[in-house]
Protein backbone atom coordinates (compact mmCIF):
# COMPACT_ATOMS: atom_id res chain seq x y z
CA MET A 1 -0.39 14.26 12.08
CA THR A 2 -4.04 13.21 12.03
CA THR A 3 -5.14 10.38 14.30
CA LEU A 4 -8.02 8.32 12.97
CA TYR A 5 -9.40 5.32 14.80
CA ILE A 6 -11.12 3.49 12.00
CA LEU A 7 -13.82 0.94 12.78
CA PRO A 8 -13.86 -1.14 9.60
CA TYR A 9 -17.00 -2.88 8.49
CA SER A 10 -15.67 -5.88 8.31
CA HIS A 11 2.40 0.70 -10.52
CA GLU A 12 4.69 -0.71 -11.90
CA SER A 13 6.81 2.06 -10.52
CA PHE A 14 9.66 2.12 -8.07
CA ILE A 15 8.17 4.17 -5.27
CA ILE A 16 10.66 5.86 -3.04
CA SER A 17 10.50 8.61 -0.46
CA HIS A 18 12.89 11.54 -0.41
CA ILE A 19 13.73 13.56 2.72
CA PHE A 20 12.10 11.82 5.68
CA PRO A 21 10.45 14.07 8.32
CA LEU A 22 12.04 12.52 11.40
CA PHE A 23 10.57 15.14 13.69
CA LEU A 24 7.30 13.25 13.48
CA LEU A 25 8.71 10.00 14.89
CA PRO A 26 8.33 10.80 18.62
CA VAL A 27 4.72 11.75 17.98
CA ILE A 28 4.00 8.33 16.49
CA PHE A 29 5.64 6.65 19.46
CA ILE A 30 3.39 8.58 21.83
CA GLN A 31 0.38 7.45 19.86
CA TYR A 32 1.34 3.86 20.59
CA GLN A 33 1.63 4.55 24.27
CA LYS A 34 -1.68 6.38 24.54
CA LYS A 35 -3.95 4.75 22.02
CA LYS A 36 -7.04 2.96 23.20
CA MET A 37 -7.70 0.02 20.97
CA ALA A 38 -11.25 -0.42 19.87
CA THR A 39 -12.95 -3.75 20.46
CA PHE A 40 -14.77 -5.16 17.51
CA ALA A 41 -17.73 -7.45 18.06
CA LEU A 42 -19.82 -9.36 15.55
CA ASN A 43 -23.46 -8.42 15.27
CA LYS A 44 -25.85 -11.07 16.48
CA LEU A 45 -27.40 -12.89 13.60
CA PHE A 46 -31.10 -13.74 13.91
CA LEU A 47 -31.52 -15.96 10.88
CA PRO A 48 -33.00 -19.41 10.33
CA ILE A 49 -30.77 -22.20 11.55
CA VAL A 50 -30.56 -23.66 8.05
CA PHE A 51 -28.30 -20.74 7.03
CA LEU A 52 -26.15 -20.76 10.16
CA VAL A 53 -23.32 -22.92 8.83
CA LEU A 54 -23.02 -20.80 5.69
CA ILE A 55 -22.98 -17.57 7.68
CA ILE A 56 -20.22 -18.82 9.96
CA LYS A 57 -18.16 -19.89 6.95
CA VAL A 58 -18.51 -16.53 5.18
CA SER A 59 -17.76 -14.38 8.23
CA GLN A 60 -15.01 -16.55 9.68
CA SER A 61 -12.08 -14.83 7.96
CA LYS A 62 -13.16 -11.36 9.12
CA ALA A 63 -13.94 -12.63 12.62
CA ALA A 64 -10.33 -13.86 12.89
CA LEU A 65 -9.01 -10.29 12.75
CA ASP A 66 -8.91 -8.24 15.93
CA ALA A 67 -7.27 -4.93 16.82
CA ARG A 68 -6.18 -6.50 20.12
CA TYR A 69 -5.09 -9.83 18.68
CA TYR A 70 -1.60 -9.75 20.21
CA ASP A 71 -2.49 -8.09 23.52
CA GLN A 72 -1.93 -11.28 25.49
CA THR A 73 0.44 -13.29 23.30
CA CYS A 74 2.82 -10.51 22.19
CA PRO A 75 1.90 -7.16 23.78
CA GLU A 76 5.06 -5.42 22.48
CA ALA A 77 4.53 -6.53 18.86
CA GLU A 78 3.51 -3.15 17.44
CA LYS A 79 6.22 -1.29 19.34
CA ILE A 80 8.89 -3.71 18.08
CA ILE A 81 7.72 -3.20 14.50
CA LEU A 82 7.54 0.58 14.90
CA ASP A 83 11.03 0.79 16.40
CA THR A 84 12.47 -1.36 13.61
CA VAL A 85 10.83 0.67 10.84
CA ARG A 86 11.77 3.94 12.51
CA ASN A 87 15.43 2.98 12.83
CA ALA A 88 15.58 1.76 9.23
CA SER A 89 13.99 4.99 8.01
CA MET A 90 16.64 7.05 9.77
CA HIS A 91 19.29 5.33 7.67
CA ASP A 92 17.30 4.96 4.46
CA PRO A 93 14.66 7.61 3.64
CA LYS A 94 13.28 5.35 0.88
CA VAL A 95 11.88 2.90 3.45
CA PRO A 96 8.45 4.55 4.04
CA ALA A 97 7.33 4.54 0.43
CA ARG A 98 8.82 1.09 -0.15
CA PHE A 99 6.69 -0.33 2.63
CA LEU A 100 3.55 1.35 1.33
CA ARG A 101 4.18 -0.14 -2.09
CA MET A 102 5.01 -3.55 -0.62
CA PHE A 103 1.69 -3.61 1.25
CA PHE A 104 -0.30 -2.79 -1.89
CA HIS A 105 1.53 -5.34 -4.02
CA ASP A 106 1.09 -8.06 -1.41
CA CYS A 107 -2.60 -7.49 -0.65
CA PHE A 108 -3.77 -6.75 -4.18
CA ILE A 109 -2.59 -10.05 -5.67
CA ARG A 110 -3.57 -12.89 -3.33
CA GLY A 111 -4.75 -10.94 -0.32
CA CYS A 112 -2.55 -9.90 2.60
CA ASP A 113 -0.66 -13.17 3.07
CA ALA A 114 3.00 -12.08 2.82
CA SER A 115 3.40 -14.06 -0.41
CA VAL A 116 5.41 -11.12 -1.77
CA LEU A 117 8.14 -11.87 0.80
CA LEU A 118 8.84 -15.46 -0.24
CA ASP A 119 12.09 -16.11 -2.10
CA SER A 120 12.19 -18.04 -5.35
CA THR A 121 13.35 -21.66 -5.28
CA PRO A 122 14.75 -23.94 -8.01
CA GLN A 123 11.21 -25.26 -8.42
CA ASN A 124 9.31 -21.96 -8.30
CA GLN A 125 9.76 -18.33 -9.30
CA ALA A 126 8.15 -16.24 -6.57
CA GLU A 127 6.07 -13.04 -6.70
CA LYS A 128 8.95 -10.77 -5.78
CA ASP A 129 10.71 -11.82 -8.99
CA GLY A 130 7.72 -11.07 -11.24
CA PRO A 131 8.25 -8.07 -13.57
CA PRO A 132 6.28 -5.41 -11.62
CA ASN A 133 7.85 -6.48 -8.32
CA ILE A 134 11.52 -6.63 -9.24
CA SER A 135 12.08 -3.10 -7.93
CA LEU A 136 10.44 -3.74 -4.55
CA GLY A 137 12.77 -3.11 -1.62
CA ALA A 138 13.13 -2.98 2.17
CA PHE A 139 12.78 -6.74 2.63
CA TYR A 140 15.70 -6.59 5.05
CA VAL A 141 13.62 -4.44 7.40
CA ILE A 142 10.96 -7.17 7.52
CA ASP A 143 13.67 -9.73 8.28
CA ASP A 144 14.97 -7.58 11.13
CA ALA A 145 11.52 -7.04 12.64
CA LYS A 146 10.68 -10.73 12.36
CA ALA A 147 13.92 -11.77 14.09
CA LYS A 148 13.18 -9.43 17.00
CA LEU A 149 9.60 -10.66 17.26
CA GLU A 150 10.72 -14.29 17.29
CA ARG A 151 13.00 -13.53 20.22
CA ALA A 152 10.23 -11.73 22.10
CA CYS A 153 7.35 -14.10 21.34
CA PRO A 154 8.25 -17.11 19.17
CA GLN A 155 5.94 -18.27 16.37
CA THR A 156 3.28 -15.69 17.21
CA VAL A 157 3.32 -12.66 14.87
CA SER A 158 2.78 -13.36 11.19
CA CYS A 159 4.80 -11.76 8.42
CA ALA A 160 1.53 -10.59 6.85
CA ASP A 161 0.73 -8.61 9.99
CA ILE A 162 4.24 -7.12 10.03
CA ILE A 163 3.72 -5.70 6.52
CA THR A 164 0.28 -4.35 7.41
CA ILE A 165 1.38 -2.69 10.65
CA ALA A 166 4.53 -1.27 9.06
CA ALA A 167 2.52 0.24 6.18
CA ARG A 168 0.34 2.08 8.70
CA ASP A 169 3.42 3.27 10.62
CA VAL A 170 5.25 4.72 7.61
CA VAL A 171 2.18 6.69 6.54
CA ALA A 172 1.82 8.17 10.02
CA MET A 173 5.55 8.87 10.31
CA SER A 174 5.40 10.80 7.04
CA GLY A 175 2.68 13.10 8.33
CA GLY A 176 -0.35 11.07 7.28
CA PRO A 177 -3.20 9.50 9.27
CA PHE A 178 -2.88 6.88 12.01
CA TRP A 179 -5.42 4.07 12.34
CA ASN A 180 -5.87 0.86 14.28
CA VAL A 181 -4.75 -2.23 12.38
CA LEU A 182 -6.83 -5.38 12.65
CA GLU A 183 -4.42 -8.24 13.30
CA GLY A 184 -4.37 -12.01 13.18
CA ARG A 185 -3.52 -12.71 9.53
CA LYS A 186 -1.77 -15.93 8.61
CA ASP A 187 1.06 -16.31 6.13
CA GLY A 188 0.39 -18.00 2.81
CA ARG A 189 2.33 -20.90 1.31
CA VAL A 190 1.92 -19.98 -2.37
CA SER A 191 3.83 -17.36 -4.35
CA SER A 192 4.06 -17.17 -8.13
CA ALA A 193 5.84 -14.73 -10.45
CA SER A 194 2.71 -14.67 -12.61
CA GLY A 195 0.66 -13.09 -9.80
CA PRO A 196 1.94 -9.50 -10.18
CA ILE A 197 0.58 -9.43 -13.74
CA ASN A 198 -2.78 -8.67 -12.10
CA LEU A 199 -1.50 -5.43 -10.58
CA PRO A 200 -2.99 -2.32 -12.22
CA ALA A 201 -0.54 -1.01 -14.82
CA PRO A 202 0.31 2.72 -15.03
CA THR A 203 -1.13 2.90 -18.55
CA ILE A 204 -4.68 1.56 -18.07
CA ASN A 205 -7.85 3.64 -18.23
CA VAL A 206 -10.42 4.35 -15.52
CA SER A 207 -12.82 1.59 -16.54
CA GLN A 208 -10.01 -0.94 -16.35
CA LEU A 209 -8.92 0.45 -12.98
CA ILE A 210 -12.45 0.23 -11.58
CA GLN A 211 -12.79 -3.33 -12.82
CA SER A 212 -9.42 -4.32 -11.34
CA PHE A 213 -10.26 -2.87 -7.93
CA ALA A 214 -13.78 -4.34 -7.96
CA LYS A 215 -12.31 -7.83 -8.22
CA ARG A 216 -10.75 -7.19 -4.80
CA GLY A 217 -13.98 -5.86 -3.31
CA LEU A 218 -12.79 -2.25 -3.55
CA GLY A 219 -14.94 0.59 -4.85
CA VAL A 220 -14.32 3.74 -6.86
CA LYS A 221 -13.62 5.83 -3.77
CA ASP A 222 -11.07 3.22 -2.62
CA LEU A 223 -9.40 3.43 -6.02
CA VAL A 224 -8.97 7.20 -5.82
CA ALA A 225 -8.02 7.21 -2.14
CA LEU A 226 -5.38 4.49 -2.47
CA SER A 227 -3.95 6.22 -5.55
CA GLY A 228 -3.12 9.02 -3.12
CA GLY A 229 -0.36 6.79 -1.79
CA HIS A 230 1.63 8.08 -4.75
CA THR A 231 2.22 11.19 -2.66
CA LEU A 232 5.25 9.24 -1.39
CA GLY A 233 6.46 8.28 -4.81
CA PHE A 234 9.00 8.18 -7.59
CA SER A 235 8.84 6.48 -10.96
CA HIS A 236 11.48 5.50 -13.45
CA CYS A 237 11.10 6.94 -16.93
CA SER A 238 10.11 3.56 -18.39
CA SER A 239 6.70 3.78 -16.70
CA PHE A 240 5.67 7.07 -18.33
CA GLN A 241 8.04 7.78 -21.24
CA ALA A 242 5.41 6.75 -23.79
CA ARG A 243 3.48 9.89 -22.81
CA LEU A 244 6.41 12.08 -23.84
CA HIS A 245 7.40 10.66 -27.22
CA ASN A 246 5.23 9.21 -30.03
CA PHE A 247 2.15 9.11 -27.79
CA SER A 248 -0.28 8.45 -30.64
CA SER A 249 -0.75 8.87 -34.36
CA LEU A 250 -2.24 12.31 -33.68
CA HIS A 251 -0.09 13.55 -30.82
CA ASP A 252 3.61 13.20 -30.12
CA ILE A 253 2.95 14.18 -26.48
CA ASP A 254 -0.01 13.20 -24.31
CA PRO A 255 -2.30 16.26 -24.65
CA SER A 256 -3.58 15.86 -21.07
CA LEU A 257 -0.14 16.82 -19.73
CA ASN A 258 0.63 20.36 -18.61
CA SER A 259 3.00 21.80 -21.26
CA GLU A 260 5.50 23.19 -18.76
CA PHE A 261 5.44 19.94 -16.81
CA THR A 262 5.99 18.02 -20.04
CA GLU A 263 9.23 19.87 -20.71
CA THR A 264 10.41 19.07 -17.19
CA LEU A 265 9.69 15.38 -17.74
CA ARG A 266 11.38 15.33 -21.15
CA LYS A 267 14.53 16.82 -19.66
CA LYS A 268 14.53 14.04 -17.07
CA CYS A 269 13.76 11.30 -19.59
CA LEU A 270 15.75 11.88 -22.74
CA LYS A 271 15.16 9.88 -25.90
CA PRO A 272 16.84 7.47 -26.08
CA ASN A 273 17.04 7.15 -22.30
CA LYS A 274 20.39 5.66 -21.31
CA ASP A 275 20.10 6.33 -17.58
CA ARG A 276 18.21 3.44 -15.93
CA ASN A 277 17.88 5.43 -12.70
CA ALA A 278 16.35 8.50 -14.33
CA GLY A 279 12.83 9.36 -13.29
CA ARG A 280 10.51 11.74 -11.54
CA PHE A 281 8.89 12.13 -8.12
CA LEU A 282 5.13 11.61 -8.34
CA ASP A 283 4.49 14.52 -5.98
CA SER A 284 6.37 17.78 -5.43
CA THR A 285 6.25 17.08 -1.66
CA ALA A 286 7.51 13.51 -1.96
CA SER A 287 8.78 13.30 1.62
CA THR A 288 5.41 14.17 3.14
CA PHE A 289 2.13 12.29 3.08
CA ASP A 290 -0.39 14.97 2.05
CA ASN A 291 -3.03 15.77 -0.57
CA ASN A 292 -0.69 17.57 -2.96
CA TYR A 293 -0.84 14.60 -5.34
CA TYR A 294 -4.47 15.42 -6.15
CA LYS A 295 -3.71 19.11 -6.65
CA GLN A 296 -1.06 18.14 -9.18
CA LEU A 297 -3.50 15.92 -11.07
CA LEU A 298 -5.92 18.83 -11.44
CA ALA A 299 -3.05 20.94 -12.78
CA GLY A 300 -2.25 18.36 -15.47
CA LYS A 301 0.87 17.18 -13.65
CA GLY A 302 0.07 13.52 -13.09
CA VAL A 303 3.10 11.41 -14.00
CA PHE A 304 1.28 8.18 -14.86
CA GLU A 305 -1.27 7.96 -17.62
CA SER A 306 -3.55 6.03 -15.24
CA ASP A 307 -3.23 8.73 -12.58
CA GLN A 308 -4.05 11.54 -14.98
CA ALA A 309 -6.97 9.50 -16.34
CA ILE A 310 -8.88 9.67 -13.06
CA ILE A 311 -9.53 13.40 -13.53
CA SER A 312 -10.93 12.91 -17.03
CA ASP A 313 -13.70 10.53 -15.95
CA TYR A 314 -16.85 11.77 -14.18
CA ARG A 315 -16.85 8.72 -11.90
CA THR A 316 -13.55 9.69 -10.31
CA ARG A 317 -12.93 13.39 -10.95
CA TRP A 318 -15.31 14.60 -8.23
CA ILE A 319 -13.45 12.50 -5.67
CA VAL A 320 -10.10 13.92 -6.79
CA GLU A 321 -11.52 17.43 -6.44
CA SER A 322 -12.86 16.65 -2.96
CA PHE A 323 -9.53 15.29 -1.75
CA ALA A 324 -7.62 18.22 -3.30
CA LYS A 325 -9.79 20.66 -1.33
CA ASP A 326 -9.96 18.76 1.95
CA GLN A 327 -6.86 16.95 3.24
CA THR A 328 -8.68 15.78 6.38
CA LEU A 329 -11.28 14.06 4.21
CA PHE A 330 -8.52 12.42 2.16
CA PHE A 331 -6.79 11.17 5.30
CA LYS A 332 -10.04 9.70 6.60
CA GLU A 333 -10.86 7.92 3.35
CA PHE A 334 -7.29 6.74 2.80
CA ALA A 335 -7.18 5.15 6.26
CA ALA A 336 -10.55 3.47 5.70
CA SER A 337 -9.44 2.13 2.32
CA MET A 338 -6.18 0.82 3.77
CA VAL A 339 -8.15 -1.10 6.40
CA LYS A 340 -10.43 -2.42 3.68
CA LEU A 341 -7.50 -3.50 1.50
CA GLY A 342 -5.91 -5.12 4.54
CA ASN A 343 -8.98 -7.34 4.91
CA VAL A 344 -8.80 -8.68 1.35
CA GLY A 345 -8.23 -12.43 1.07
CA VAL A 346 -7.58 -13.18 4.74
CA ILE A 347 -6.70 -16.88 4.81
CA GLU A 348 -7.78 -19.37 7.47
CA ASN A 349 -5.35 -22.22 6.87
CA GLY A 350 -2.02 -20.41 6.66
CA GLU A 351 0.93 -20.45 9.02
CA VAL A 352 3.11 -18.13 11.07
CA ARG A 353 6.49 -18.36 9.35
CA LEU A 354 9.68 -18.56 11.38
CA LYS A 355 11.41 -16.56 8.64
CA CYS A 356 9.43 -14.43 6.23
CA ARG A 357 11.38 -15.50 3.15
CA MET A 358 10.51 -19.20 3.26
CA VAL A 359 7.74 -21.70 3.96
CA TYR A 360 8.40 -24.42 6.52
């Protein structure tokens, strides 16, 4: 496992993990005991006083986040979350990838505000019931962690921070990088089923992907690095079957696919497909967080059309090649991009929910 202490400057697929490498869990626990949290300070601003109010307003949301946010109010917060996620993963190996997907789907829509956790009401259909989010799972693990945190330090740790910390933990427990999480997010009060429509679909091209990520303040390198989260992944046939049958007027099969890999996919996803659970792992090492995902893309074995597209565009291919050659580089950039995504849309006027499924 690679330990990275990041100092941040500030698909519609059912992702599941397979065989969980539990031998890594004690190592992660030791990291919690030994880590030295970095202190983040704002740079002094020497600007005319007329701009001071504006500067404070713009920087306020980032200033609210701190790697040592709970040191005094709930010093055991991260350990409680780690223990809960670890225990759940022992019983359900799908938990790690589910948390990674949950984090992305929460932060990418409205920012990291735990809106994806809210249940629908008679008056409102929530995010989790929007089409791309219906297959999200592991909400019960969040409920368990929140209940334990409320007993230890009532009304202190937000549900948004639980998701963010847990996403970091499952990556590290699966053999990926470890980084310090900036904490202090508040929980949002708004959740709409129309929100997930803005998630990048598995069929869009690179230009559309870049545009989608740019709206969240994320660059091309972030796009490619975060796509590497598919190393812990599985997709149902519905998300990629169009590549295998009647792809276009010229090609029955997507010509960018490796021919041998295509036959493997077609055996998994028959036409017509009557098995709703049929699908394919997005990475041949689906239980381990590594750079094998990028190696598969270069071999024409990307499951999603959007994944395979990033090797056909000059703006992204060189990054894929770099990550395929250098796993340490991938880990570093993935951790940095996760921190960056975790800072998207930090709200100032939210709440700390008593239960993550409802607003009080």
